[in-house]
Amino acid sequence: ALGSFLYGYDLTIVAEVVSSGSFLSFFSPSTTQIGLVASLL
C-alpha cells in the first residue's frame, strides 16, 4: 500500500508547491501552467 501512500502524499504537497513564493519566482508560471502542475499527475 506504499503505492497508495505515494498518491495521497503527492495530491497533498502540490498545494504548497504551486503557492510557495520560491516556486513562483523560479518558474513564473501562468494560471494555466499552475493548473498543469496539478493536473498532469
PDB file of all heavy atoms in Angstrom:
ATOM      1  N   ALA A   1       0.808  -1.216   0.000  1.00  0.00           N
ATOM      2  CA  ALA A   1       0.000   0.000   0.000  1.00  0.00           C
ATOM      3  C   ALA A   1       0.843   1.268   0.000  1.00  0.00           C
ATOM      4  O   ALA A   1       0.285   2.372  -0.011  1.00  0.00           O
ATOM      5  CB  ALA A   1      -0.942  -0.002   1.202  1.00  0.00           C
ATOM      6  N   LEU A   2       2.166   1.146   0.001  1.00  0.00           N
ATOM      7  CA  LEU A   2       3.018   2.325  -0.178  1.00  0.00           C
ATOM      8  C   LEU A   2       2.683   3.039  -1.490  1.00  0.00           C
ATOM      9  O   LEU A   2       2.884   4.241  -1.614  1.00  0.00           O
ATOM     10  CB  LEU A   2       4.497   1.933  -0.166  1.00  0.00           C
ATOM     11  CG  LEU A   2       5.148   1.703   1.197  1.00  0.00           C
ATOM     12  CD1 LEU A   2       6.563   1.169   1.022  1.00  0.00           C
ATOM     13  CD2 LEU A   2       5.157   2.993   2.014  1.00  0.00           C
ATOM     14  N   GLY A   3       2.186   2.281  -2.473  1.00  0.00           N
ATOM     15  CA  GLY A   3       1.774   2.913  -3.724  1.00  0.00           C
ATOM     16  C   GLY A   3       0.643   3.898  -3.509  1.00  0.00           C
ATOM     17  O   GLY A   3       0.618   4.989  -4.095  1.00  0.00           O
ATOM     18  N   SER A   4      -0.333   3.551  -2.649  1.00  0.00           N
ATOM     19  CA  SER A   4      -1.420   4.467  -2.316  1.00  0.00           C
ATOM     20  C   SER A   4      -0.904   5.624  -1.472  1.00  0.00           C
ATOM     21  O   SER A   4      -1.378   6.757  -1.598  1.00  0.00           O
ATOM     22  CB  SER A   4      -2.517   3.713  -1.553  1.00  0.00           C
ATOM     23  OG  SER A   4      -3.043   2.674  -2.341  1.00  0.00           O
ATOM     24  N   PHE A   5       0.065   5.342  -0.604  1.00  0.00           N
ATOM     25  CA  PHE A   5       0.694   6.407   0.184  1.00  0.00           C
ATOM     26  C   PHE A   5       1.275   7.475  -0.740  1.00  0.00           C
ATOM     27  O   PHE A   5       1.115   8.679  -0.498  1.00  0.00           O
ATOM     28  CB  PHE A   5       1.793   5.803   1.060  1.00  0.00           C
ATOM     29  CG  PHE A   5       2.588   6.816   1.844  1.00  0.00           C
ATOM     30  CD1 PHE A   5       2.226   7.145   3.138  1.00  0.00           C
ATOM     31  CD2 PHE A   5       3.697   7.441   1.289  1.00  0.00           C
ATOM     32  CE1 PHE A   5       2.958   8.082   3.866  1.00  0.00           C
ATOM     33  CE2 PHE A   5       4.434   8.379   2.003  1.00  0.00           C
ATOM     34  CZ  PHE A   5       4.059   8.696   3.294  1.00  0.00           C
ATOM     35  N   LEU A   6       1.943   7.045  -1.800  1.00  0.00           N
ATOM     36  CA  LEU A   6       2.534   7.991  -2.751  1.00  0.00           C
ATOM     37  C   LEU A   6       1.470   8.885  -3.373  1.00  0.00           C
ATOM     38  O   LEU A   6       1.673  10.097  -3.547  1.00  0.00           O
ATOM     39  CB  LEU A   6       3.278   7.228  -3.851  1.00  0.00           C
ATOM     40  CG  LEU A   6       4.544   6.483  -3.443  1.00  0.00           C
ATOM     41  CD1 LEU A   6       5.022   5.595  -4.585  1.00  0.00           C
ATOM     42  CD2 LEU A   6       5.638   7.459  -3.032  1.00  0.00           C
ATOM     43  N   TYR A   7       0.331   8.302  -3.714  1.00  0.00           N
ATOM     44  CA  TYR A   7      -0.746   9.067  -4.331  1.00  0.00           C
ATOM     45  C   TYR A   7      -1.262  10.133  -3.370  1.00  0.00           C
ATOM     46  O   TYR A   7      -1.410  11.312  -3.724  1.00  0.00           O
ATOM     47  CB  TYR A   7      -1.865   8.111  -4.743  1.00  0.00           C
ATOM     48  CG  TYR A   7      -2.996   8.744  -5.506  1.00  0.00           C
ATOM     49  CD1 TYR A   7      -2.798   9.852  -6.323  1.00  0.00           C
ATOM     50  CD2 TYR A   7      -4.282   8.219  -5.419  1.00  0.00           C
ATOM     51  CE1 TYR A   7      -3.843  10.418  -7.032  1.00  0.00           C
ATOM     52  CE2 TYR A   7      -5.337   8.774  -6.130  1.00  0.00           C
ATOM     53  CZ  TYR A   7      -5.115   9.877  -6.929  1.00  0.00           C
ATOM     54  OH  TYR A   7      -6.155  10.435  -7.628  1.00  0.00           O
ATOM     55  N   GLY A   8      -1.541   9.730  -2.118  1.00  0.00           N
ATOM     56  CA  GLY A   8      -2.026  10.685  -1.134  1.00  0.00           C
ATOM     57  C   GLY A   8      -1.022  11.782  -0.835  1.00  0.00           C
ATOM     58  O   GLY A   8      -1.386  12.956  -0.694  1.00  0.00           O
ATOM     59  N   TYR A   9       0.250  11.409  -0.748  1.00  0.00           N
ATOM     60  CA  TYR A   9       1.300  12.383  -0.476  1.00  0.00           C
ATOM     61  C   TYR A   9       1.390  13.411  -1.604  1.00  0.00           C
ATOM     62  O   TYR A   9       1.423  14.626  -1.365  1.00  0.00           O
ATOM     63  CB  TYR A   9       2.636  11.658  -0.308  1.00  0.00           C
ATOM     64  CG  TYR A   9       3.810  12.574  -0.023  1.00  0.00           C
ATOM     65  CD1 TYR A   9       4.149  12.918   1.282  1.00  0.00           C
ATOM     66  CD2 TYR A   9       4.586  13.097  -1.063  1.00  0.00           C
ATOM     67  CE1 TYR A   9       5.223  13.753   1.543  1.00  0.00           C
ATOM     68  CE2 TYR A   9       5.654  13.933  -0.806  1.00  0.00           C
ATOM     69  CZ  TYR A   9       5.967  14.254   0.490  1.00  0.00           C
ATOM     70  OH  TYR A   9       7.036  15.101   0.739  1.00  0.00           O
ATOM     71  N   ASP A  10       1.428  12.918  -2.832  1.00  0.00           N
ATOM     72  CA  ASP A  10       1.599  13.813  -3.967  1.00  0.00           C
ATOM     73  C   ASP A  10       0.395  14.722  -4.164  1.00  0.00           C
ATOM     74  O   ASP A  10       0.531  15.888  -4.550  1.00  0.00           O
ATOM     75  CB  ASP A  10       1.860  13.000  -5.240  1.00  0.00           C
ATOM     76  CG  ASP A  10       2.711  13.757  -6.238  1.00  0.00           C
ATOM     77  OD1 ASP A  10       2.341  14.891  -6.561  1.00  0.00           O
ATOM     78  OD2 ASP A  10       3.750  13.235  -6.674  1.00  0.00           O
ATOM     79  N   LEU A  11      -0.811  14.190  -3.929  1.00  0.00           N
ATOM     80  CA  LEU A  11      -2.001  15.022  -4.040  1.00  0.00           C
ATOM     81  C   LEU A  11      -1.957  16.201  -3.073  1.00  0.00           C
ATOM     82  O   LEU A  11      -2.461  17.288  -3.379  1.00  0.00           O
ATOM     83  CB  LEU A  11      -3.252  14.184  -3.742  1.00  0.00           C
ATOM     84  CG  LEU A  11      -3.787  13.272  -4.841  1.00  0.00           C
ATOM     85  CD1 LEU A  11      -4.957  12.451  -4.306  1.00  0.00           C
ATOM     86  CD2 LEU A  11      -4.211  14.062  -6.063  1.00  0.00           C
ATOM     87  N   THR A  12      -1.356  15.981  -1.907  1.00  0.00           N
ATOM     88  CA  THR A  12      -1.378  16.989  -0.850  1.00  0.00           C
ATOM     89  C   THR A  12      -0.301  18.044  -1.017  1.00  0.00           C
ATOM     90  O   THR A  12      -0.562  19.240  -0.836  1.00  0.00           O
ATOM     91  CB  THR A  12      -1.228  16.309   0.521  1.00  0.00           C
ATOM     92  OG1 THR A  12      -2.227  15.287   0.652  1.00  0.00           O
ATOM     93  CG2 THR A  12      -1.399  17.316   1.637  1.00  0.00           C
ATOM     94  N   ILE A  13       0.913  17.648  -1.364  1.00  0.00           N
ATOM     95  CA  ILE A  13       2.014  18.615  -1.390  1.00  0.00           C
ATOM     96  C   ILE A  13       1.896  19.613  -2.529  1.00  0.00           C
ATOM     97  O   ILE A  13       2.495  20.687  -2.476  1.00  0.00           O
ATOM     98  CB  ILE A  13       3.382  17.904  -1.492  1.00  0.00           C
ATOM     99  CG1 ILE A  13       3.505  17.113  -2.810  1.00  0.00           C
ATOM    100  CG2 ILE A  13       3.612  17.016  -0.286  1.00  0.00           C
ATOM    101  CD1 ILE A  13       4.914  16.595  -3.069  1.00  0.00           C
ATOM    102  N   VAL A  14       1.092  19.293  -3.549  1.00  0.00           N
ATOM    103  CA  VAL A  14       1.039  20.186  -4.698  1.00  0.00           C
ATOM    104  C   VAL A  14       0.467  21.548  -4.312  1.00  0.00           C
ATOM    105  O   VAL A  14       0.831  22.575  -4.910  1.00  0.00           O
ATOM    106  CB  VAL A  14       0.225  19.546  -5.845  1.00  0.00           C
ATOM    107  CG1 VAL A  14      -1.252  19.481  -5.506  1.00  0.00           C
ATOM    108  CG2 VAL A  14       0.436  20.287  -7.151  1.00  0.00           C
ATOM    109  N   ALA A  15      -0.418  21.606  -3.302  1.00  0.00           N
ATOM    110  CA  ALA A  15      -0.974  22.890  -2.875  1.00  0.00           C
ATOM    111  C   ALA A  15       0.131  23.817  -2.364  1.00  0.00           C
ATOM    112  O   ALA A  15       0.144  25.022  -2.648  1.00  0.00           O
ATOM    113  CB  ALA A  15      -2.032  22.675  -1.796  1.00  0.00           C
ATOM    114  N   GLU A  16       1.074  23.241  -1.581  1.00  0.00           N
ATOM    115  CA  GLU A  16       2.196  24.051  -1.076  1.00  0.00           C
ATOM    116  C   GLU A  16       3.166  24.391  -2.186  1.00  0.00           C
ATOM    117  O   GLU A  16       3.677  25.514  -2.265  1.00  0.00           O
ATOM    118  CB  GLU A  16       2.907  23.270   0.036  1.00  0.00           C
ATOM    119  CG  GLU A  16       4.039  24.036   0.704  1.00  0.00           C
ATOM    120  CD  GLU A  16       5.399  23.806   0.032  1.00  0.00           C
ATOM    121  OE1 GLU A  16       5.506  22.833  -0.734  1.00  0.00           O
ATOM    122  OE2 GLU A  16       6.323  24.614   0.259  1.00  0.00           O
ATOM    123  N   VAL A  17       3.430  23.451  -3.074  1.00  0.00           N
ATOM    124  CA  VAL A  17       4.407  23.667  -4.144  1.00  0.00           C
ATOM    125  C   VAL A  17       3.994  24.824  -5.033  1.00  0.00           C
ATOM    126  O   VAL A  17       4.776  25.745  -5.299  1.00  0.00           O
ATOM    127  CB  VAL A  17       4.579  22.377  -4.978  1.00  0.00           C
ATOM    128  CG1 VAL A  17       5.376  22.667  -6.258  1.00  0.00           C
ATOM    129  CG2 VAL A  17       5.298  21.312  -4.156  1.00  0.00           C
ATOM    130  N   VAL A  18       2.745  24.813  -5.528  1.00  0.00           N
ATOM    131  CA  VAL A  18       2.333  25.829  -6.506  1.00  0.00           C
ATOM    132  C   VAL A  18       2.064  27.177  -5.861  1.00  0.00           C
ATOM    133  O   VAL A  18       1.897  28.176  -6.581  1.00  0.00           O
ATOM    134  CB  VAL A  18       1.084  25.369  -7.292  1.00  0.00           C
ATOM    135  CG1 VAL A  18       1.373  24.095  -8.059  1.00  0.00           C
ATOM    136  CG2 VAL A  18      -0.124  25.197  -6.380  1.00  0.00           C
ATOM    137  N   SER A  19       2.026  27.231  -4.518  1.00  0.00           N
ATOM    138  CA  SER A  19       1.768  28.509  -3.851  1.00  0.00           C
ATOM    139  C   SER A  19       3.016  29.103  -3.209  1.00  0.00           C
ATOM    140  O   SER A  19       2.981  30.259  -2.753  1.00  0.00           O
ATOM    141  CB  SER A  19       0.685  28.329  -2.779  1.00  0.00           C
ATOM    142  OG  SER A  19       1.117  27.442  -1.763  1.00  0.00           O
ATOM    143  N   SER A  20       4.110  28.351  -3.144  1.00  0.00           N
ATOM    144  CA  SER A  20       5.320  28.866  -2.494  1.00  0.00           C
ATOM    145  C   SER A  20       5.950  29.973  -3.337  1.00  0.00           C
ATOM    146  O   SER A  20       6.017  29.891  -4.574  1.00  0.00           O
ATOM    147  CB  SER A  20       6.326  27.738  -2.273  1.00  0.00           C
ATOM    148  OG  SER A  20       6.749  27.190  -3.497  1.00  0.00           O
ATOM    149  N   GLY A  21       6.413  31.005  -2.648  1.00  0.00           N
ATOM    150  CA  GLY A  21       6.983  32.150  -3.346  1.00  0.00           C
ATOM    151  C   GLY A  21       8.195  31.790  -4.173  1.00  0.00           C
ATOM    152  O   GLY A  21       8.395  32.321  -5.285  1.00  0.00           O
ATOM    153  N   SER A  22       9.030  30.864  -3.677  1.00  0.00           N
ATOM    154  CA  SER A  22      10.236  30.494  -4.412  1.00  0.00           C
ATOM    155  C   SER A  22       9.886  29.764  -5.707  1.00  0.00           C
ATOM    156  O   SER A  22      10.541  29.961  -6.733  1.00  0.00           O
ATOM    157  CB  SER A  22      11.126  29.604  -3.532  1.00  0.00           C
ATOM    158  OG  SER A  22      10.427  28.454  -3.095  1.00  0.00           O
ATOM    159  N   PHE A  23       8.847  28.933  -5.687  1.00  0.00           N
ATOM    160  CA  PHE A  23       8.428  28.236  -6.902  1.00  0.00           C
ATOM    161  C   PHE A  23       7.903  29.232  -7.938  1.00  0.00           C
ATOM    162  O   PHE A  23       8.245  29.156  -9.127  1.00  0.00           O
ATOM    163  CB  PHE A  23       7.338  27.211  -6.561  1.00  0.00           C
ATOM    164  CG  PHE A  23       6.824  26.429  -7.734  1.00  0.00           C
ATOM    165  CD1 PHE A  23       7.449  25.252  -8.133  1.00  0.00           C
ATOM    166  CD2 PHE A  23       5.703  26.850  -8.447  1.00  0.00           C
ATOM    167  CE1 PHE A  23       6.972  24.517  -9.214  1.00  0.00           C
ATOM    168  CE2 PHE A  23       5.227  26.128  -9.531  1.00  0.00           C
ATOM    169  CZ  PHE A  23       5.864  24.961  -9.908  1.00  0.00           C
ATOM    170  N   LEU A  24       7.085  30.179  -7.484  1.00  0.00           N
ATOM    171  CA  LEU A  24       6.513  31.158  -8.403  1.00  0.00           C
ATOM    172  C   LEU A  24       7.579  32.071  -8.997  1.00  0.00           C
ATOM    173  O   LEU A  24       7.533  32.410 -10.184  1.00  0.00           O
ATOM    174  CB  LEU A  24       5.448  31.986  -7.671  1.00  0.00           C
ATOM    175  CG  LEU A  24       4.220  31.207  -7.174  1.00  0.00           C
ATOM    176  CD1 LEU A  24       3.323  32.104  -6.336  1.00  0.00           C
ATOM    177  CD2 LEU A  24       3.443  30.631  -8.351  1.00  0.00           C
ATOM    178  N   SER A  25       8.562  32.448  -8.189  1.00  0.00           N
ATOM    179  CA  SER A  25       9.615  33.329  -8.706  1.00  0.00           C
ATOM    180  C   SER A  25      10.597  32.576  -9.604  1.00  0.00           C
ATOM    181  O   SER A  25      11.138  33.140 -10.551  1.00  0.00           O
ATOM    182  CB  SER A  25      10.374  33.971  -7.536  1.00  0.00           C
ATOM    183  OG  SER A  25      11.017  32.973  -6.744  1.00  0.00           O
ATOM    184  N   PHE A  26      10.802  31.279  -9.325  1.00  0.00           N
ATOM    185  CA  PHE A  26      11.751  30.483 -10.109  1.00  0.00           C
ATOM    186  C   PHE A  26      11.212  30.189 -11.507  1.00  0.00           C
ATOM    187  O   PHE A  26      11.945  30.231 -12.499  1.00  0.00           O
ATOM    188  CB  PHE A  26      12.060  29.176  -9.380  1.00  0.00           C
ATOM    189  CG  PHE A  26      13.205  28.389  -9.965  1.00  0.00           C
ATOM    190  CD1 PHE A  26      14.525  28.680  -9.609  1.00  0.00           C
ATOM    191  CD2 PHE A  26      12.979  27.363 -10.863  1.00  0.00           C
ATOM    192  CE1 PHE A  26      15.586  27.962 -10.145  1.00  0.00           C
ATOM    193  CE2 PHE A  26      14.033  26.636 -11.407  1.00  0.00           C
ATOM    194  CZ  PHE A  26      15.345  26.937 -11.050  1.00  0.00           C
ATOM    195  N   PHE A  27       9.913  29.878 -11.611  1.00  0.00           N
ATOM    196  CA  PHE A  27       9.338  29.465 -12.892  1.00  0.00           C
ATOM    197  C   PHE A  27       8.441  30.527 -13.530  1.00  0.00           C
ATOM    198  O   PHE A  27       8.180  30.457 -14.734  1.00  0.00           O
ATOM    199  CB  PHE A  27       8.522  28.176 -12.711  1.00  0.00           C
ATOM    200  CG  PHE A  27       9.343  26.986 -12.309  1.00  0.00           C
ATOM    201  CD1 PHE A  27       9.237  26.458 -11.039  1.00  0.00           C
ATOM    202  CD2 PHE A  27      10.230  26.397 -13.197  1.00  0.00           C
ATOM    203  CE1 PHE A  27       9.990  25.358 -10.655  1.00  0.00           C
ATOM    204  CE2 PHE A  27      10.990  25.293 -12.822  1.00  0.00           C
ATOM    205  CZ  PHE A  27      10.870  24.778 -11.544  1.00  0.00           C
ATOM    206  N   SER A  28       7.923  31.464 -12.711  1.00  0.00           N
ATOM    207  CA  SER A  28       6.990  32.488 -13.203  1.00  0.00           C
ATOM    208  C   SER A  28       5.867  31.879 -14.037  1.00  0.00           C
ATOM    209  O   SER A  28       5.623  32.277 -15.191  1.00  0.00           O
ATOM    210  CB  SER A  28       7.744  33.541 -14.039  1.00  0.00           C
ATOM    211  OG  SER A  28       8.735  34.173 -13.279  1.00  0.00           O
ATOM    212  N   PRO A  29       5.142  30.903 -13.493  1.00  0.00           N
ATOM    213  CA  PRO A  29       4.104  30.214 -14.278  1.00  0.00           C
ATOM    214  C   PRO A  29       2.839  31.052 -14.409  1.00  0.00           C
ATOM    215  O   PRO A  29       2.511  31.869 -13.532  1.00  0.00           O
ATOM    216  CB  PRO A  29       3.840  28.954 -13.459  1.00  0.00           C
ATOM    217  CG  PRO A  29       4.119  29.374 -12.055  1.00  0.00           C
ATOM    218  CD  PRO A  29       5.245  30.364 -12.122  1.00  0.00           C
ATOM    219  N   SER A  30       2.126  30.847 -15.500  1.00  0.00           N
ATOM    220  CA  SER A  30       0.817  31.455 -15.675  1.00  0.00           C
ATOM    221  C   SER A  30      -0.213  30.637 -14.902  1.00  0.00           C
ATOM    222  O   SER A  30       0.088  29.563 -14.371  1.00  0.00           O
ATOM    223  CB  SER A  30       0.442  31.489 -17.156  1.00  0.00           C
ATOM    224  OG  SER A  30       0.300  30.162 -17.654  1.00  0.00           O
ATOM    225  N   THR A  31      -1.447  31.148 -14.845  1.00  0.00           N
ATOM    226  CA  THR A  31      -2.515  30.415 -14.154  1.00  0.00           C
ATOM    227  C   THR A  31      -2.742  29.051 -14.791  1.00  0.00           C
ATOM    228  O   THR A  31      -2.917  28.040 -14.100  1.00  0.00           O
ATOM    229  CB  THR A  31      -3.820  31.224 -14.202  1.00  0.00           C
ATOM    230  OG1 THR A  31      -3.606  32.483 -13.573  1.00  0.00           O
ATOM    231  CG2 THR A  31      -4.943  30.479 -13.480  1.00  0.00           C
ATOM    232  N   THR A  32      -2.708  29.008 -16.115  1.00  0.00           N
ATOM    233  CA  THR A  32      -2.889  27.738 -16.822  1.00  0.00           C
ATOM    234  C   THR A  32      -1.755  26.768 -16.521  1.00  0.00           C
ATOM    235  O   THR A  32      -1.980  25.566 -16.333  1.00  0.00           O
ATOM    236  CB  THR A  32      -2.981  27.968 -18.339  1.00  0.00           C
ATOM    237  OG1 THR A  32      -4.071  28.848 -18.611  1.00  0.00           O
ATOM    238  CG2 THR A  32      -3.196  26.661 -19.082  1.00  0.00           C
ATOM    239  N   GLN A  33      -0.539  27.282 -16.455  1.00  0.00           N
ATOM    240  CA  GLN A  33       0.609  26.420 -16.165  1.00  0.00           C
ATOM    241  C   GLN A  33       0.549  25.872 -14.744  1.00  0.00           C
ATOM    242  O   GLN A  33       0.943  24.722 -14.499  1.00  0.00           O
ATOM    243  CB  GLN A  33       1.910  27.194 -16.390  1.00  0.00           C
ATOM    244  CG  GLN A  33       2.215  27.460 -17.848  1.00  0.00           C
ATOM    245  CD  GLN A  33       3.456  28.313 -18.033  1.00  0.00           C
ATOM    246  OE1 GLN A  33       3.711  29.249 -17.272  1.00  0.00           O
ATOM    247  NE2 GLN A  33       4.237  28.009 -19.062  1.00  0.00           N
ATOM    248  N   ILE A  34       0.055  26.673 -13.805  1.00  0.00           N
ATOM    249  CA  ILE A  34      -0.118  26.182 -12.437  1.00  0.00           C
ATOM    250  C   ILE A  34      -1.116  25.031 -12.420  1.00  0.00           C
ATOM    251  O   ILE A  34      -0.930  24.022 -11.740  1.00  0.00           O
ATOM    252  CB  ILE A  34      -0.582  27.318 -11.509  1.00  0.00           C
ATOM    253  CG1 ILE A  34       0.558  28.318 -11.305  1.00  0.00           C
ATOM    254  CG2 ILE A  34      -1.038  26.757 -10.159  1.00  0.00           C
ATOM    255  CD1 ILE A  34       0.175  29.529 -10.490  1.00  0.00           C
ATOM    256  N   GLY A  35      -2.173  25.173 -13.214  1.00  0.00           N
ATOM    257  CA  GLY A  35      -3.145  24.091 -13.316  1.00  0.00           C
ATOM    258  C   GLY A  35      -2.532  22.825 -13.876  1.00  0.00           C
ATOM    259  O   GLY A  35      -2.862  21.719 -13.449  1.00  0.00           O
ATOM    260  N   LEU A  36      -1.597  22.970 -14.817  1.00  0.00           N
ATOM    261  CA  LEU A  36      -0.944  21.807 -15.410  1.00  0.00           C
ATOM    262  C   LEU A  36      -0.102  21.046 -14.390  1.00  0.00           C
ATOM    263  O   LEU A  36      -0.011  19.820 -14.443  1.00  0.00           O
ATOM    264  CB  LEU A  36      -0.063  22.236 -16.586  1.00  0.00           C
ATOM    265  CG  LEU A  36      -0.772  22.517 -17.907  1.00  0.00           C
ATOM    266  CD1 LEU A  36       0.205  23.091 -18.926  1.00  0.00           C
ATOM    267  CD2 LEU A  36      -1.407  21.238 -18.451  1.00  0.00           C
ATOM    268  N   VAL A  37       0.527  21.772 -13.458  1.00  0.00           N
ATOM    269  CA  VAL A  37       1.339  21.116 -12.436  1.00  0.00           C
ATOM    270  C   VAL A  37       0.488  20.127 -11.644  1.00  0.00           C
ATOM    271  O   VAL A  37       0.912  19.009 -11.345  1.00  0.00           O
ATOM    272  CB  VAL A  37       1.977  22.155 -11.484  1.00  0.00           C
ATOM    273  CG1 VAL A  37       2.678  21.466 -10.320  1.00  0.00           C
ATOM    274  CG2 VAL A  37       2.964  23.021 -12.242  1.00  0.00           C
ATOM    275  N   ALA A  38      -0.720  20.543 -11.316  1.00  0.00           N
ATOM    276  CA  ALA A  38      -1.612  19.662 -10.558  1.00  0.00           C
ATOM    277  C   ALA A  38      -2.223  18.576 -11.433  1.00  0.00           C
ATOM    278  O   ALA A  38      -2.284  17.408 -11.054  1.00  0.00           O
ATOM    279  CB  ALA A  38      -2.717  20.499  -9.904  1.00  0.00           C
ATOM    280  N   SER A  39      -2.662  18.942 -12.623  1.00  0.00           N
ATOM    281  CA  SER A  39      -3.480  18.017 -13.415  1.00  0.00           C
ATOM    282  C   SER A  39      -2.669  16.999 -14.199  1.00  0.00           C
ATOM    283  O   SER A  39      -3.185  15.932 -14.539  1.00  0.00           O
ATOM    284  CB  SER A  39      -4.361  18.806 -14.384  1.00  0.00           C
ATOM    285  OG  SER A  39      -3.587  19.585 -15.270  1.00  0.00           O
ATOM    286  N   LEU A  40      -1.398  17.270 -14.504  1.00  0.00           N
ATOM    287  CA  LEU A  40      -0.624  16.317 -15.294  1.00  0.00           C
ATOM    288  C   LEU A  40      -0.348  15.026 -14.534  1.00  0.00           C
ATOM    289  O   LEU A  40      -0.143  13.975 -15.145  1.00  0.00           O
ATOM    290  CB  LEU A  40       0.693  16.937 -15.763  1.00  0.00           C
ATOM    291  CG  LEU A  40       0.640  17.666 -17.114  1.00  0.00           C
ATOM    292  CD1 LEU A  40       2.003  18.223 -17.475  1.00  0.00           C
ATOM    293  CD2 LEU A  40       0.150  16.742 -18.217  1.00  0.00           C
ATOM    294  N   LEU A  41      -0.328  15.078 -13.199  1.00  0.00           N
ATOM    295  CA  LEU A  41      -0.140  13.850 -12.424  1.00  0.00           C
ATOM    296  C   LEU A  41      -1.262  12.858 -12.740  1.00  0.00           C
ATOM    297  O   LEU A  41      -1.012  11.696 -13.023  1.00  0.00           O
ATOM    298  CB  LEU A  41      -0.122  14.158 -10.929  1.00  0.00           C
ATOM    299  CG  LEU A  41       0.091  12.924 -10.047  1.00  0.00           C
ATOM    300  CD1 LEU A  41       1.577  12.636  -9.883  1.00  0.00           C
ATOM    301  CD2 LEU A  41      -0.549  13.115  -8.673  1.00  0.00           C
TER     302      LEU A  41
END
